[in-house]
Amino acid sequence: MFTGIIGNQAVLKKRQKLPRQIRLMFEIIGKSSPFRLGESVALDGVCLTVRAFRGKQFSADVIPETLRSTTLGKLRVGQRVNMERSLRLGDRLGGHWVTGHVDGVGFIKKIERRDENFRLQIGAPTDIIRPLVSKGSIAIDGISFTIQEVQNRHFVVGVTPHTYRVTTLQWKRSGDSVNLEVDFFAKLVERFLKNGQSTFLREKGLHKQGF
């Protein structure tokens, strides 16, 4: 489990093709405490398992499905990713609950500068747009954002100077792909309503549940 608050960036140093997966080797940029073997880490919002580490370098194996359904499949050597270590009990939850299970890939339609801040317009598939609401949460490349506006084929978030500076957004351009994870609780509500269980939210249903 993660929060969408980026702690570091990491740069891809090597891609190694294995019989059934790809091994990605990264180097952490900046200070970071040592990993533990088998620890979970989110790279551009994708939850991976640390298989080996030495100093600031570590590696993780990525299966074909993850390569196809996220931007990691097209990650190039020398390219940076956002990195977040997994949440520990007692840590502050500064963003929102992020699982590291990417729902799909969107793309940057427009980046606009607004004084010191930025306005980011993200194009996304219909199944990702559908559960989004204004003031709700979404993770973009692992970064927690509050949604400002939702349209049929895109949504808008605001980016503060700090977030822009400490993440890979500073190198992103219009047309670039990004990993998207819809807020976990929004997905639960959508599934609940889709299964026709919304009657429990009506007066009679609430009375039966003791409300």
C-alpha atoms as a PDB file:
ATOM      1  CA  MET A   1       0.000   0.000   0.000  1.00  0.00           C
ATOM      2  CA  PHE A   2       1.189   3.507  -0.895  1.00  0.00           C
ATOM      3  CA  THR A   3       0.080   7.130  -0.479  1.00  0.00           C
ATOM      4  CA  GLY A   4       0.979   8.797  -3.777  1.00  0.00           C
ATOM      5  CA  ILE A   5       3.548  11.039  -2.079  1.00  0.00           C
ATOM      6  CA  ILE A   6       6.771  10.599  -4.056  1.00  0.00           C
ATOM      7  CA  GLY A   7       9.898  10.143  -1.951  1.00  0.00           C
ATOM      8  CA  ASN A   8      12.546   9.730  -4.655  1.00  0.00           C
ATOM      9  CA  GLN A   9      13.189   9.287  -8.317  1.00  0.00           C
ATOM     10  CA  ALA A  10      15.084   6.366  -9.806  1.00  0.00           C
ATOM     11  CA  VAL A  11      16.785   6.001 -13.190  1.00  0.00           C
ATOM     12  CA  LEU A  12      16.646   2.833 -15.288  1.00  0.00           C
ATOM     13  CA  LYS A  13      20.187   1.523 -15.733  1.00  0.00           C
ATOM     14  CA  LYS A  14      19.579  -1.787 -17.520  1.00  0.00           C
ATOM     15  CA  ARG A  15      16.871  -3.987 -19.048  1.00  0.00           C
ATOM     16  CA  GLN A  16      17.509  -7.706 -19.023  1.00  0.00           C
ATOM     17  CA  LYS A  17      15.269 -10.071 -21.000  1.00  0.00           C
ATOM     18  CA  LEU A  18      14.504 -13.332 -19.215  1.00  0.00           C
ATOM     19  CA  PRO A  19      12.534 -16.345 -20.520  1.00  0.00           C
ATOM     20  CA  ARG A  20       9.202 -15.257 -18.984  1.00  0.00           C
ATOM     21  CA  GLN A  21       9.762 -11.688 -17.810  1.00  0.00           C
ATOM     22  CA  ILE A  22      11.947  -8.599 -17.941  1.00  0.00           C
ATOM     23  CA  ARG A  23      14.385  -7.641 -15.199  1.00  0.00           C
ATOM     24  CA  LEU A  24      14.706  -3.893 -14.657  1.00  0.00           C
ATOM     25  CA  MET A  25      17.697  -2.482 -12.793  1.00  0.00           C
ATOM     26  CA  PHE A  26      17.428   0.998 -11.271  1.00  0.00           C
ATOM     27  CA  GLU A  27      19.556   3.460  -9.360  1.00  0.00           C
ATOM     28  CA  ILE A  28      17.979   5.723  -6.749  1.00  0.00           C
ATOM     29  CA  ILE A  29      18.534   9.464  -7.094  1.00  0.00           C
ATOM     30  CA  GLY A  30      19.098  11.226  -3.768  1.00  0.00           C
ATOM     31  CA  LYS A  31      19.082   9.849  -0.235  1.00  0.00           C
ATOM     32  CA  SER A  32      17.181   6.692   0.650  1.00  0.00           C
ATOM     33  CA  SER A  33      17.310   4.145   3.458  1.00  0.00           C
ATOM     34  CA  PRO A  34      18.380   0.582   2.565  1.00  0.00           C
ATOM     35  CA  PHE A  35      15.846  -1.810   1.047  1.00  0.00           C
ATOM     36  CA  ARG A  36      14.786  -5.123   2.496  1.00  0.00           C
ATOM     37  CA  LEU A  37      14.714  -8.147   0.212  1.00  0.00           C
ATOM     38  CA  GLY A  38      11.170  -8.701  -1.057  1.00  0.00           C
ATOM     39  CA  GLU A  39      10.059  -5.168  -0.170  1.00  0.00           C
ATOM     40  CA  SER A  40       7.349  -3.562  -2.295  1.00  0.00           C
ATOM     41  CA  VAL A  41       8.160  -0.379  -4.175  1.00  0.00           C
ATOM     42  CA  ALA A  42       6.002   1.714  -6.526  1.00  0.00           C
ATOM     43  CA  LEU A  43       7.729   2.841  -9.724  1.00  0.00           C
ATOM     44  CA  ASP A  44       5.625   5.304 -11.730  1.00  0.00           C
ATOM     45  CA  GLY A  45       2.698   3.939  -9.733  1.00  0.00           C
ATOM     46  CA  VAL A  46       3.365   0.258 -10.489  1.00  0.00           C
ATOM     47  CA  CYS A  47       3.870  -1.969  -7.438  1.00  0.00           C
ATOM     48  CA  LEU A  48       6.941  -4.190  -7.879  1.00  0.00           C
ATOM     49  CA  THR A  49       8.964  -6.451  -5.598  1.00  0.00           C
ATOM     50  CA  VAL A  50      12.623  -5.740  -4.891  1.00  0.00           C
ATOM     51  CA  ARG A  51      14.518  -8.938  -5.815  1.00  0.00           C
ATOM     52  CA  ALA A  52      18.043  -7.661  -5.181  1.00  0.00           C
ATOM     53  CA  PHE A  53      19.767  -4.464  -4.062  1.00  0.00           C
ATOM     54  CA  ARG A  54      23.201  -3.034  -3.421  1.00  0.00           C
ATOM     55  CA  GLY A  55      23.664   0.495  -2.186  1.00  0.00           C
ATOM     56  CA  LYS A  56      21.431   2.725  -4.279  1.00  0.00           C
ATOM     57  CA  GLN A  57      20.938   0.133  -7.010  1.00  0.00           C
ATOM     58  CA  PHE A  58      18.119  -2.410  -7.025  1.00  0.00           C
ATOM     59  CA  SER A  59      16.320  -4.687  -9.451  1.00  0.00           C
ATOM     60  CA  ALA A  60      12.750  -5.912  -9.942  1.00  0.00           C
ATOM     61  CA  ASP A  61      11.200  -8.453 -12.299  1.00  0.00           C
ATOM     62  CA  VAL A  62       8.220  -7.425 -14.423  1.00  0.00           C
ATOM     63  CA  ILE A  63       5.821  -9.959 -15.973  1.00  0.00           C
ATOM     64  CA  PRO A  64       4.484  -9.557 -19.547  1.00  0.00           C
ATOM     65  CA  GLU A  65       0.989  -8.493 -18.402  1.00  0.00           C
ATOM     66  CA  THR A  66       2.421  -5.587 -16.406  1.00  0.00           C
ATOM     67  CA  LEU A  67       4.629  -4.585 -19.333  1.00  0.00           C
ATOM     68  CA  ARG A  68       1.584  -4.527 -21.638  1.00  0.00           C
ATOM     69  CA  SER A  69      -0.797  -2.712 -19.298  1.00  0.00           C
ATOM     70  CA  THR A  70       1.541  -0.006 -17.950  1.00  0.00           C
ATOM     71  CA  THR A  71       4.179   2.380 -19.278  1.00  0.00           C
ATOM     72  CA  LEU A  72       6.994   0.169 -17.958  1.00  0.00           C
ATOM     73  CA  GLY A  73       6.933  -1.800 -21.206  1.00  0.00           C
ATOM     74  CA  LYS A  74       8.257   1.239 -23.074  1.00  0.00           C
ATOM     75  CA  LEU A  75      10.609   2.496 -20.367  1.00  0.00           C
ATOM     76  CA  ARG A  76      14.026   3.295 -21.836  1.00  0.00           C
ATOM     77  CA  VAL A  77      17.467   3.027 -20.235  1.00  0.00           C
ATOM     78  CA  GLY A  78      18.365   6.426 -18.773  1.00  0.00           C
ATOM     79  CA  GLN A  79      14.711   7.369 -18.196  1.00  0.00           C
ATOM     80  CA  ARG A  80      13.571   8.422 -14.723  1.00  0.00           C
ATOM     81  CA  VAL A  81      10.590   7.112 -12.778  1.00  0.00           C
ATOM     82  CA  ASN A  82       8.788   8.261  -9.646  1.00  0.00           C
ATOM     83  CA  MET A  83       9.586   6.046  -6.676  1.00  0.00           C
ATOM     84  CA  GLU A  84       7.667   5.505  -3.439  1.00  0.00           C
ATOM     85  CA  ARG A  85       8.498   3.026  -0.700  1.00  0.00           C
ATOM     86  CA  SER A  86       5.561   1.061   0.743  1.00  0.00           C
ATOM     87  CA  LEU A  87       3.544   2.562   3.589  1.00  0.00           C
ATOM     88  CA  ARG A  88       4.373   1.486   7.146  1.00  0.00           C
ATOM     89  CA  LEU A  89       1.939   1.443  10.073  1.00  0.00           C
ATOM     90  CA  GLY A  90       2.210   4.786  11.835  1.00  0.00           C
ATOM     91  CA  ASP A  91       3.293   6.725   8.725  1.00  0.00           C
ATOM     92  CA  ARG A  92       1.426   9.887   7.797  1.00  0.00           C
ATOM     93  CA  LEU A  93      -1.096   9.443   5.002  1.00  0.00           C
ATOM     94  CA  GLY A  94      -0.440  12.653   3.108  1.00  0.00           C
ATOM     95  CA  GLY A  95      -2.050  11.676  -0.210  1.00  0.00           C
ATOM     96  CA  HIS A  96      -4.657   8.895  -0.517  1.00  0.00           C
ATOM     97  CA  TRP A  97      -4.761   5.085  -0.502  1.00  0.00           C
ATOM     98  CA  VAL A  98      -2.815   3.887  -3.547  1.00  0.00           C
ATOM     99  CA  THR A  99      -2.460   0.151  -4.197  1.00  0.00           C
ATOM    100  CA  GLY A 100       0.079   0.230  -7.019  1.00  0.00           C
ATOM    101  CA  HIS A 101      -2.297  -1.727  -9.278  1.00  0.00           C
ATOM    102  CA  VAL A 102      -2.588   0.421 -12.392  1.00  0.00           C
ATOM    103  CA  ASP A 103      -6.065   0.565 -13.966  1.00  0.00           C
ATOM    104  CA  GLY A 104      -4.895   1.776 -17.352  1.00  0.00           C
ATOM    105  CA  VAL A 105      -2.704   4.117 -19.357  1.00  0.00           C
ATOM    106  CA  GLY A 106      -3.737   7.655 -20.254  1.00  0.00           C
ATOM    107  CA  PHE A 107      -1.884  10.484 -21.950  1.00  0.00           C
ATOM    108  CA  ILE A 108      -1.122  14.130 -21.331  1.00  0.00           C
ATOM    109  CA  LYS A 109      -3.373  16.262 -23.541  1.00  0.00           C
ATOM    110  CA  LYS A 110      -2.159  19.619 -22.306  1.00  0.00           C
ATOM    111  CA  ILE A 111       0.148  21.199 -19.737  1.00  0.00           C
ATOM    112  CA  GLU A 112      -0.651  24.804 -18.860  1.00  0.00           C
ATOM    113  CA  ARG A 113       1.306  27.068 -16.549  1.00  0.00           C
ATOM    114  CA  ARG A 114      -0.808  29.111 -14.147  1.00  0.00           C
ATOM    115  CA  ASP A 115       1.510  31.565 -12.365  1.00  0.00           C
ATOM    116  CA  GLU A 116       3.668  29.271 -10.190  1.00  0.00           C
ATOM    117  CA  ASN A 117       1.356  26.273 -10.600  1.00  0.00           C
ATOM    118  CA  PHE A 118       0.476  24.000 -13.516  1.00  0.00           C
ATOM    119  CA  ARG A 119      -2.783  22.636 -14.914  1.00  0.00           C
ATOM    120  CA  LEU A 120      -2.581  19.107 -16.274  1.00  0.00           C
ATOM    121  CA  GLN A 121      -5.202  17.748 -18.685  1.00  0.00           C
ATOM    122  CA  ILE A 122      -5.173  13.953 -18.943  1.00  0.00           C
ATOM    123  CA  GLY A 123      -6.919  11.933 -21.651  1.00  0.00           C
ATOM    124  CA  ALA A 124      -8.146   8.559 -20.415  1.00  0.00           C
ATOM    125  CA  PRO A 125     -10.273   5.548 -21.442  1.00  0.00           C
ATOM    126  CA  THR A 126     -14.006   5.604 -20.646  1.00  0.00           C
ATOM    127  CA  ASP A 127     -13.766   2.957 -17.927  1.00  0.00           C
ATOM    128  CA  ILE A 128     -11.313   5.160 -16.038  1.00  0.00           C
ATOM    129  CA  ILE A 129     -13.253   8.383 -16.558  1.00  0.00           C
ATOM    130  CA  ARG A 130     -16.572   6.868 -15.415  1.00  0.00           C
ATOM    131  CA  PRO A 131     -15.913   6.590 -11.635  1.00  0.00           C
ATOM    132  CA  LEU A 132     -14.071   9.925 -11.384  1.00  0.00           C
ATOM    133  CA  VAL A 133     -15.640  12.849  -9.535  1.00  0.00           C
ATOM    134  CA  SER A 134     -14.582  16.429  -8.964  1.00  0.00           C
ATOM    135  CA  LYS A 135     -12.597  16.733  -5.687  1.00  0.00           C
ATOM    136  CA  GLY A 136     -11.957  12.980  -5.768  1.00  0.00           C
ATOM    137  CA  SER A 137      -8.499  11.391  -5.896  1.00  0.00           C
ATOM    138  CA  ILE A 138      -6.457   9.732  -8.624  1.00  0.00           C
ATOM    139  CA  ALA A 139      -2.849   8.574  -8.972  1.00  0.00           C
ATOM    140  CA  ILE A 140      -0.950   9.680 -12.101  1.00  0.00           C
ATOM    141  CA  ASP A 141       2.403   7.893 -12.487  1.00  0.00           C
ATOM    142  CA  GLY A 142       2.098   7.136  -8.785  1.00  0.00           C
ATOM    143  CA  ILE A 143       1.493  10.777  -7.769  1.00  0.00           C
ATOM    144  CA  SER A 144      -1.602  11.526  -5.683  1.00  0.00           C
ATOM    145  CA  PHE A 145      -3.800  14.270  -7.146  1.00  0.00           C
ATOM    146  CA  THR A 146      -7.140  15.876  -6.382  1.00  0.00           C
ATOM    147  CA  ILE A 147      -9.350  16.026  -9.473  1.00  0.00           C
ATOM    148  CA  GLN A 148     -10.467  19.533 -10.430  1.00  0.00           C
ATOM    149  CA  GLU A 149     -12.660  18.765 -13.432  1.00  0.00           C
ATOM    150  CA  VAL A 150     -14.065  15.704 -15.210  1.00  0.00           C
ATOM    151  CA  GLN A 151     -15.156  15.604 -18.867  1.00  0.00           C
ATOM    152  CA  ASN A 152     -16.209  12.746 -21.170  1.00  0.00           C
ATOM    153  CA  ARG A 153     -12.701  11.933 -22.383  1.00  0.00           C
ATOM    154  CA  HIS A 154     -10.370  13.750 -20.030  1.00  0.00           C
ATOM    155  CA  PHE A 155      -9.919  15.091 -16.523  1.00  0.00           C
ATOM    156  CA  VAL A 156      -7.918  17.951 -15.032  1.00  0.00           C
ATOM    157  CA  VAL A 157      -5.640  18.184 -11.988  1.00  0.00           C
ATOM    158  CA  GLY A 158      -3.561  21.007 -10.556  1.00  0.00           C
ATOM    159  CA  VAL A 159       0.175  20.624  -9.942  1.00  0.00           C
ATOM    160  CA  THR A 160       1.988  22.608  -7.258  1.00  0.00           C
ATOM    161  CA  PRO A 161       5.585  23.807  -7.810  1.00  0.00           C
ATOM    162  CA  HIS A 162       6.845  21.296  -5.215  1.00  0.00           C
ATOM    163  CA  THR A 163       5.172  18.311  -6.891  1.00  0.00           C
ATOM    164  CA  TYR A 164       6.395  19.471 -10.293  1.00  0.00           C
ATOM    165  CA  ARG A 165       9.958  19.795  -8.984  1.00  0.00           C
ATOM    166  CA  VAL A 166      10.286  16.472  -7.088  1.00  0.00           C
ATOM    167  CA  THR A 167       8.604  14.212  -9.666  1.00  0.00           C
ATOM    168  CA  THR A 168       9.149  13.289 -13.303  1.00  0.00           C
ATOM    169  CA  LEU A 169       6.391  15.686 -14.397  1.00  0.00           C
ATOM    170  CA  GLN A 170       9.076  18.306 -15.075  1.00  0.00           C
ATOM    171  CA  TRP A 171      10.202  16.221 -18.084  1.00  0.00           C
ATOM    172  CA  LYS A 172       6.747  15.283 -19.376  1.00  0.00           C
ATOM    173  CA  ARG A 173       5.324  16.740 -22.582  1.00  0.00           C
ATOM    174  CA  SER A 174       1.957  16.688 -24.357  1.00  0.00           C
ATOM    175  CA  GLY A 175       1.315  13.240 -25.818  1.00  0.00           C
ATOM    176  CA  ASP A 176       3.365  11.370 -23.204  1.00  0.00           C
ATOM    177  CA  SER A 177       1.740   8.293 -21.667  1.00  0.00           C
ATOM    178  CA  VAL A 178       1.051   8.042 -17.918  1.00  0.00           C
ATOM    179  CA  ASN A 179      -0.105   5.268 -15.588  1.00  0.00           C
ATOM    180  CA  LEU A 180      -3.495   5.852 -13.961  1.00  0.00           C
ATOM    181  CA  GLU A 181      -4.947   4.323 -10.808  1.00  0.00           C
ATOM    182  CA  VAL A 182      -8.506   5.252  -9.834  1.00  0.00           C
ATOM    183  CA  ASP A 183      -9.205   5.824  -6.143  1.00  0.00           C
ATOM    184  CA  PHE A 184      -9.835   2.435  -4.503  1.00  0.00           C
ATOM    185  CA  PHE A 185     -13.010   3.599  -2.731  1.00  0.00           C
ATOM    186  CA  ALA A 186     -14.457   5.022  -5.957  1.00  0.00           C
ATOM    187  CA  LYS A 187     -13.993   1.598  -7.574  1.00  0.00           C
ATOM    188  CA  LEU A 188     -15.755  -0.083  -4.649  1.00  0.00           C
ATOM    189  CA  VAL A 189     -18.761   2.229  -4.956  1.00  0.00           C
ATOM    190  CA  GLU A 190     -18.937   1.685  -8.721  1.00  0.00           C
ATOM    191  CA  ARG A 191     -18.865  -2.109  -8.280  1.00  0.00           C
ATOM    192  CA  PHE A 192     -21.495  -1.887  -5.524  1.00  0.00           C
ATOM    193  CA  LEU A 193     -23.864   0.088  -7.744  1.00  0.00           C
ATOM    194  CA  LYS A 194     -23.140  -1.991 -10.852  1.00  0.00           C
ATOM    195  CA  ASN A 195     -24.188  -5.172  -9.039  1.00  0.00           C
ATOM    196  CA  GLY A 196     -27.612  -3.706  -8.298  1.00  0.00           C
ATOM    197  CA  GLN A 197     -26.993  -3.474  -4.573  1.00  0.00           C
ATOM    198  CA  SER A 198     -27.813   0.223  -4.325  1.00  0.00           C
ATOM    199  CA  THR A 199     -31.159  -0.677  -2.671  1.00  0.00           C
ATOM    200  CA  PHE A 200     -29.237  -1.058   0.593  1.00  0.00           C
ATOM    201  CA  LEU A 201     -28.658   2.697   0.462  1.00  0.00           C
ATOM    202  CA  ARG A 202     -32.392   3.428   0.407  1.00  0.00           C
ATOM    203  CA  GLU A 203     -34.428   4.136   3.536  1.00  0.00           C
ATOM    204  CA  LYS A 204     -35.775   0.601   4.018  1.00  0.00           C
ATOM    205  CA  GLY A 205     -32.393  -0.953   3.434  1.00  0.00           C
ATOM    206  CA  LEU A 206     -30.752   1.380   5.949  1.00  0.00           C
ATOM    207  CA  HIS A 207     -33.437   0.571   8.544  1.00  0.00           C
ATOM    208  CA  LYS A 208     -32.730  -3.159   8.121  1.00  0.00           C
ATOM    209  CA  GLN A 209     -29.072  -2.464   8.809  1.00  0.00           C
ATOM    210  CA  GLY A 210     -29.885  -0.655  12.047  1.00  0.00           C
ATOM    211  CA  PHE A 211     -29.595   2.953  10.889  1.00  0.00           C
END
